[in-house]
Amino acid sequence: MSQLSQQACEACRVGAPTVTEEEKQSLGAEVPEWQIVERDGIMKLERTFTFKDFVQALDFTHRVGELAEEADHHPAILTEYGKVTVTWWSHKIKGLHRNDFILAARTDEVAK
């Protein structure tokens, strides 16, 4: 279990700062399989997970959904046959917050 996944998420509010470049580097090192992507001018964390079939992919999707509900922080999830793409970002600040990295680490644990 990663130390990052054990950290508490904080309530994200409009106007909260996005992570700095230094934080992106240090937090990103703790979730190395995640990529930082930019879509529509918004930085996001994204990873694609592969599975044997649709049933396993759907089960993983459900477990990530439960994780998201528990944290009250919701990713974009694309479920396909044998793969699921999860994208975390903080909607209120239109960018990356420390919470996104914490939830990426928790998502990795769900995949194990």
N, C-alpha and C. Protein backbone atom coordinates (compact mmCIF):
# COMPACT_ATOMS: atom_id res chain seq x y z
N MET A 1 0.84 -1.17 0.00
CA MET A 1 0.00 0.00 0.00
C MET A 1 0.90 1.25 0.00
N SER A 2 0.61 2.17 -0.88
CA SER A 2 1.46 3.36 -0.97
C SER A 2 1.11 4.35 0.13
N GLN A 3 2.09 5.14 0.52
CA GLN A 3 1.84 6.17 1.53
C GLN A 3 0.89 7.22 0.98
N LEU A 4 1.00 7.51 -0.31
CA LEU A 4 0.13 8.52 -0.92
C LEU A 4 -1.33 8.11 -0.80
N SER A 5 -1.64 6.84 -1.03
CA SER A 5 -3.03 6.39 -0.99
C SER A 5 -3.62 6.48 0.41
N GLN A 6 -2.77 6.53 1.43
CA GLN A 6 -3.24 6.60 2.82
C GLN A 6 -3.50 8.02 3.28
N GLN A 7 -3.08 9.00 2.48
CA GLN A 7 -3.28 10.39 2.88
C GLN A 7 -4.75 10.78 2.73
N ALA A 8 -5.17 11.70 3.55
CA ALA A 8 -6.55 12.18 3.50
C ALA A 8 -6.70 13.21 2.39
N CYS A 9 -7.83 13.13 1.73
CA CYS A 9 -8.18 14.16 0.75
C CYS A 9 -8.76 15.35 1.51
N GLU A 10 -8.53 16.53 0.99
CA GLU A 10 -9.11 17.72 1.60
C GLU A 10 -10.24 18.21 0.70
N ALA A 11 -11.19 18.88 1.28
CA ALA A 11 -12.29 19.43 0.49
C ALA A 11 -11.71 20.45 -0.49
N CYS A 12 -11.99 20.24 -1.75
CA CYS A 12 -11.49 21.15 -2.79
C CYS A 12 -12.56 22.21 -3.04
N ARG A 13 -12.13 23.44 -3.07
CA ARG A 13 -13.08 24.54 -3.27
C ARG A 13 -12.67 25.36 -4.48
N VAL A 14 -13.59 26.08 -5.02
CA VAL A 14 -13.29 26.99 -6.12
C VAL A 14 -12.21 27.95 -5.63
N GLY A 15 -11.19 28.14 -6.42
CA GLY A 15 -10.10 29.03 -6.06
C GLY A 15 -8.94 28.34 -5.37
N ALA A 16 -9.09 27.05 -5.04
CA ALA A 16 -7.97 26.32 -4.44
C ALA A 16 -6.84 26.25 -5.47
N PRO A 17 -5.60 26.27 -5.02
CA PRO A 17 -4.50 26.24 -5.99
C PRO A 17 -4.33 24.87 -6.63
N THR A 18 -3.96 24.88 -7.89
CA THR A 18 -3.59 23.63 -8.56
C THR A 18 -2.18 23.28 -8.09
N VAL A 19 -1.78 22.03 -8.32
CA VAL A 19 -0.44 21.61 -7.91
C VAL A 19 0.61 22.39 -8.71
N THR A 20 1.73 22.62 -8.08
CA THR A 20 2.85 23.31 -8.74
C THR A 20 3.59 22.31 -9.62
N GLU A 21 4.48 22.80 -10.45
CA GLU A 21 5.30 21.91 -11.28
C GLU A 21 6.11 20.96 -10.40
N GLU A 22 6.65 21.48 -9.31
CA GLU A 22 7.43 20.65 -8.38
C GLU A 22 6.56 19.55 -7.78
N GLU A 23 5.34 19.90 -7.39
CA GLU A 23 4.42 18.91 -6.82
C GLU A 23 4.02 17.87 -7.88
N LYS A 24 3.83 18.31 -9.11
CA LYS A 24 3.52 17.35 -10.19
C LYS A 24 4.61 16.31 -10.30
N GLN A 25 5.86 16.76 -10.20
CA GLN A 25 6.99 15.84 -10.31
C GLN A 25 7.04 14.88 -9.11
N SER A 26 6.95 15.42 -7.91
CA SER A 26 7.09 14.56 -6.73
C SER A 26 5.88 13.63 -6.56
N LEU A 27 4.68 14.16 -6.73
CA LEU A 27 3.49 13.32 -6.61
C LEU A 27 3.39 12.34 -7.78
N GLY A 28 3.77 12.78 -8.96
CA GLY A 28 3.75 11.91 -10.14
C GLY A 28 4.69 10.73 -9.99
N ALA A 29 5.79 10.92 -9.28
CA ALA A 29 6.74 9.83 -9.05
C ALA A 29 6.12 8.72 -8.20
N GLU A 30 5.10 9.07 -7.42
CA GLU A 30 4.44 8.07 -6.58
C GLU A 30 3.36 7.29 -7.33
N VAL A 31 2.97 7.77 -8.50
CA VAL A 31 2.00 7.07 -9.34
C VAL A 31 2.57 7.03 -10.78
N PRO A 32 3.69 6.33 -10.96
CA PRO A 32 4.46 6.42 -12.21
C PRO A 32 3.74 5.92 -13.46
N GLU A 33 2.72 5.11 -13.31
CA GLU A 33 2.03 4.61 -14.50
C GLU A 33 0.94 5.56 -15.00
N TRP A 34 0.72 6.62 -14.28
CA TRP A 34 -0.26 7.63 -14.68
C TRP A 34 0.43 8.68 -15.52
N GLN A 35 -0.29 9.18 -16.51
CA GLN A 35 0.23 10.25 -17.37
C GLN A 35 -0.53 11.53 -17.09
N ILE A 36 0.18 12.63 -17.17
CA ILE A 36 -0.48 13.92 -17.11
C ILE A 36 -0.80 14.31 -18.54
N VAL A 37 -2.07 14.52 -18.81
CA VAL A 37 -2.52 14.90 -20.15
C VAL A 37 -3.23 16.24 -20.05
N GLU A 38 -3.28 16.95 -21.14
CA GLU A 38 -4.01 18.21 -21.17
C GLU A 38 -5.12 18.10 -22.22
N ARG A 39 -6.34 18.37 -21.78
CA ARG A 39 -7.48 18.36 -22.68
C ARG A 39 -8.28 19.62 -22.44
N ASP A 40 -8.57 20.33 -23.51
CA ASP A 40 -9.33 21.58 -23.42
C ASP A 40 -8.70 22.54 -22.41
N GLY A 41 -7.38 22.55 -22.37
CA GLY A 41 -6.66 23.45 -21.48
C GLY A 41 -6.64 23.04 -20.02
N ILE A 42 -7.09 21.82 -19.73
CA ILE A 42 -7.16 21.34 -18.35
C ILE A 42 -6.21 20.15 -18.17
N MET A 43 -5.31 20.26 -17.18
CA MET A 43 -4.39 19.17 -16.88
C MET A 43 -5.14 18.09 -16.11
N LYS A 44 -4.91 16.82 -16.51
CA LYS A 44 -5.60 15.68 -15.90
C LYS A 44 -4.62 14.53 -15.73
N LEU A 45 -4.93 13.62 -14.82
CA LEU A 45 -4.16 12.39 -14.64
C LEU A 45 -4.94 11.26 -15.29
N GLU A 46 -4.24 10.44 -16.07
CA GLU A 46 -4.95 9.39 -16.81
C GLU A 46 -4.14 8.11 -16.86
N ARG A 47 -4.85 7.00 -16.76
CA ARG A 47 -4.22 5.68 -16.89
C ARG A 47 -5.24 4.71 -17.46
N THR A 48 -4.75 3.81 -18.31
CA THR A 48 -5.58 2.75 -18.85
C THR A 48 -5.18 1.43 -18.21
N PHE A 49 -6.15 0.72 -17.70
CA PHE A 49 -5.95 -0.58 -17.07
C PHE A 49 -6.50 -1.65 -18.01
N THR A 50 -5.82 -2.78 -18.11
CA THR A 50 -6.29 -3.85 -19.00
C THR A 50 -6.77 -5.05 -18.19
N PHE A 51 -7.75 -5.74 -18.77
CA PHE A 51 -8.38 -6.88 -18.11
C PHE A 51 -8.63 -7.99 -19.13
N LYS A 52 -8.94 -9.17 -18.62
CA LYS A 52 -9.16 -10.33 -19.46
C LYS A 52 -10.42 -10.18 -20.33
N ASP A 53 -11.44 -9.55 -19.77
CA ASP A 53 -12.71 -9.46 -20.50
C ASP A 53 -13.54 -8.28 -19.99
N PHE A 54 -14.72 -8.14 -20.54
CA PHE A 54 -15.59 -7.04 -20.17
C PHE A 54 -16.08 -7.14 -18.73
N VAL A 55 -16.35 -8.35 -18.27
CA VAL A 55 -16.86 -8.54 -16.91
C VAL A 55 -15.84 -8.02 -15.89
N GLN A 56 -14.56 -8.34 -16.08
CA GLN A 56 -13.52 -7.85 -15.16
C GLN A 56 -13.39 -6.33 -15.26
N ALA A 57 -13.47 -5.81 -16.47
CA ALA A 57 -13.38 -4.35 -16.66
C ALA A 57 -14.55 -3.66 -15.96
N LEU A 58 -15.73 -4.22 -16.09
CA LEU A 58 -16.91 -3.64 -15.46
C LEU A 58 -16.84 -3.71 -13.93
N ASP A 59 -16.32 -4.81 -13.41
CA ASP A 59 -16.14 -4.94 -11.96
C ASP A 59 -15.18 -3.87 -11.45
N PHE A 60 -14.07 -3.66 -12.15
CA PHE A 60 -13.11 -2.62 -11.76
C PHE A 60 -13.77 -1.25 -11.81
N THR A 61 -14.54 -0.99 -12.85
CA THR A 61 -15.24 0.28 -12.98
C THR A 61 -16.14 0.52 -11.77
N HIS A 62 -16.85 -0.49 -11.38
CA HIS A 62 -17.75 -0.39 -10.22
C HIS A 62 -16.95 -0.08 -8.95
N ARG A 63 -15.82 -0.75 -8.76
CA ARG A 63 -15.01 -0.52 -7.55
C ARG A 63 -14.41 0.89 -7.54
N VAL A 64 -14.00 1.39 -8.70
CA VAL A 64 -13.49 2.77 -8.77
C VAL A 64 -14.64 3.74 -8.48
N GLY A 65 -15.83 3.43 -8.97
CA GLY A 65 -16.99 4.27 -8.68
C GLY A 65 -17.28 4.34 -7.19
N GLU A 66 -17.16 3.22 -6.49
CA GLU A 66 -17.36 3.22 -5.04
C GLU A 66 -16.30 4.06 -4.34
N LEU A 67 -15.06 3.94 -4.80
CA LEU A 67 -13.96 4.75 -4.27
C LEU A 67 -14.25 6.24 -4.46
N ALA A 68 -14.73 6.58 -5.64
CA ALA A 68 -15.04 7.98 -5.95
C ALA A 68 -16.17 8.50 -5.06
N GLU A 69 -17.20 7.72 -4.87
CA GLU A 69 -18.32 8.13 -4.03
C GLU A 69 -17.86 8.34 -2.59
N GLU A 70 -17.02 7.43 -2.11
CA GLU A 70 -16.52 7.52 -0.75
C GLU A 70 -15.73 8.82 -0.54
N ALA A 71 -14.96 9.20 -1.56
CA ALA A 71 -14.13 10.41 -1.48
C ALA A 71 -14.89 11.67 -1.91
N ASP A 72 -16.07 11.50 -2.47
CA ASP A 72 -16.85 12.60 -3.05
C ASP A 72 -16.01 13.37 -4.07
N HIS A 73 -15.33 12.59 -4.90
CA HIS A 73 -14.47 13.14 -5.96
C HIS A 73 -14.58 12.16 -7.12
N HIS A 74 -15.00 12.64 -8.29
CA HIS A 74 -15.42 11.72 -9.34
C HIS A 74 -14.61 11.86 -10.62
N PRO A 75 -14.06 10.75 -11.11
CA PRO A 75 -13.27 10.77 -12.34
C PRO A 75 -14.15 10.55 -13.56
N ALA A 76 -13.53 10.69 -14.71
CA ALA A 76 -14.14 10.20 -15.94
C ALA A 76 -13.66 8.76 -16.08
N ILE A 77 -14.58 7.86 -16.39
CA ILE A 77 -14.24 6.45 -16.53
C ILE A 77 -14.79 5.96 -17.87
N LEU A 78 -13.91 5.43 -18.71
CA LEU A 78 -14.32 4.84 -19.98
C LEU A 78 -14.09 3.34 -19.89
N THR A 79 -15.18 2.58 -19.93
CA THR A 79 -15.11 1.13 -19.82
C THR A 79 -15.34 0.51 -21.19
N GLU A 80 -14.39 -0.32 -21.60
CA GLU A 80 -14.47 -1.00 -22.89
C GLU A 80 -14.18 -2.48 -22.66
N TYR A 81 -14.31 -3.27 -23.71
CA TYR A 81 -13.98 -4.68 -23.58
C TYR A 81 -12.50 -4.81 -23.23
N GLY A 82 -12.20 -5.33 -22.05
CA GLY A 82 -10.83 -5.61 -21.66
C GLY A 82 -10.00 -4.42 -21.23
N LYS A 83 -10.60 -3.25 -21.13
CA LYS A 83 -9.82 -2.11 -20.63
C LYS A 83 -10.72 -1.03 -20.06
N VAL A 84 -10.12 -0.28 -19.12
CA VAL A 84 -10.80 0.85 -18.48
C VAL A 84 -9.81 1.99 -18.41
N THR A 85 -10.23 3.16 -18.88
CA THR A 85 -9.41 4.36 -18.77
C THR A 85 -10.02 5.24 -17.70
N VAL A 86 -9.19 5.59 -16.71
CA VAL A 86 -9.63 6.43 -15.60
C VAL A 86 -8.89 7.76 -15.70
N THR A 87 -9.65 8.84 -15.59
CA THR A 87 -9.08 10.19 -15.67
C THR A 87 -9.52 10.99 -14.45
N TRP A 88 -8.53 11.43 -13.67
CA TRP A 88 -8.80 12.24 -12.47
C TRP A 88 -8.38 13.68 -12.71
N TRP A 89 -9.21 14.61 -12.28
CA TRP A 89 -8.87 16.03 -12.20
C TRP A 89 -9.91 16.67 -11.31
N SER A 90 -9.61 17.87 -10.85
CA SER A 90 -10.52 18.56 -9.95
C SER A 90 -11.35 19.55 -10.75
N HIS A 91 -12.61 19.24 -10.88
CA HIS A 91 -13.53 20.03 -11.70
C HIS A 91 -13.63 21.47 -11.22
N LYS A 92 -13.68 21.66 -9.91
CA LYS A 92 -13.88 23.01 -9.36
C LYS A 92 -12.74 23.96 -9.69
N ILE A 93 -11.52 23.42 -9.81
CA ILE A 93 -10.38 24.29 -10.09
C ILE A 93 -9.85 24.11 -11.51
N LYS A 94 -10.53 23.25 -12.27
CA LYS A 94 -10.17 23.01 -13.67
C LYS A 94 -8.68 22.68 -13.82
N GLY A 95 -8.25 21.70 -13.00
CA GLY A 95 -6.86 21.27 -13.06
C GLY A 95 -6.56 20.22 -12.02
N LEU A 96 -5.29 20.02 -11.78
CA LEU A 96 -4.85 18.98 -10.85
C LEU A 96 -4.66 19.52 -9.44
N HIS A 97 -5.16 18.75 -8.51
CA HIS A 97 -5.04 19.03 -7.07
C HIS A 97 -4.36 17.80 -6.46
N ARG A 98 -3.81 17.95 -5.29
CA ARG A 98 -3.18 16.83 -4.59
C ARG A 98 -4.16 15.64 -4.48
N ASN A 99 -5.44 15.92 -4.28
CA ASN A 99 -6.45 14.86 -4.18
C ASN A 99 -6.42 13.93 -5.40
N ASP A 100 -6.18 14.47 -6.57
CA ASP A 100 -6.18 13.65 -7.78
C ASP A 100 -5.08 12.60 -7.73
N PHE A 101 -3.93 12.97 -7.22
CA PHE A 101 -2.82 12.03 -7.09
C PHE A 101 -3.11 10.99 -6.01
N ILE A 102 -3.73 11.41 -4.92
CA ILE A 102 -4.12 10.48 -3.86
C ILE A 102 -5.10 9.45 -4.42
N LEU A 103 -6.08 9.91 -5.18
CA LEU A 103 -7.08 8.99 -5.71
C LEU A 103 -6.52 8.13 -6.84
N ALA A 104 -5.54 8.62 -7.56
CA ALA A 104 -4.86 7.78 -8.55
C ALA A 104 -4.16 6.63 -7.83
N ALA A 105 -3.50 6.93 -6.71
CA ALA A 105 -2.82 5.88 -5.94
C ALA A 105 -3.83 4.88 -5.39
N ARG A 106 -4.98 5.36 -4.95
CA ARG A 106 -6.02 4.44 -4.47
C ARG A 106 -6.58 3.59 -5.60
N THR A 107 -6.70 4.18 -6.78
CA THR A 107 -7.17 3.44 -7.95
C THR A 107 -6.20 2.32 -8.28
N ASP A 108 -4.90 2.60 -8.19
CA ASP A 108 -3.90 1.55 -8.42
C ASP A 108 -4.11 0.39 -7.45
N GLU A 109 -4.43 0.70 -6.21
CA GLU A 109 -4.65 -0.37 -5.23
C GLU A 109 -5.90 -1.18 -5.55
N VAL A 110 -6.93 -0.53 -6.06
CA VAL A 110 -8.15 -1.24 -6.46
C VAL A 110 -7.82 -2.21 -7.59
N ALA A 111 -6.89 -1.84 -8.44
CA ALA A 111 -6.53 -2.68 -9.60
C ALA A 111 -5.73 -3.91 -9.20
N LYS A 112 -5.11 -3.88 -8.03
CA LYS A 112 -4.27 -5.04 -7.60
C LYS A 112 -5.10 -6.24 -7.25
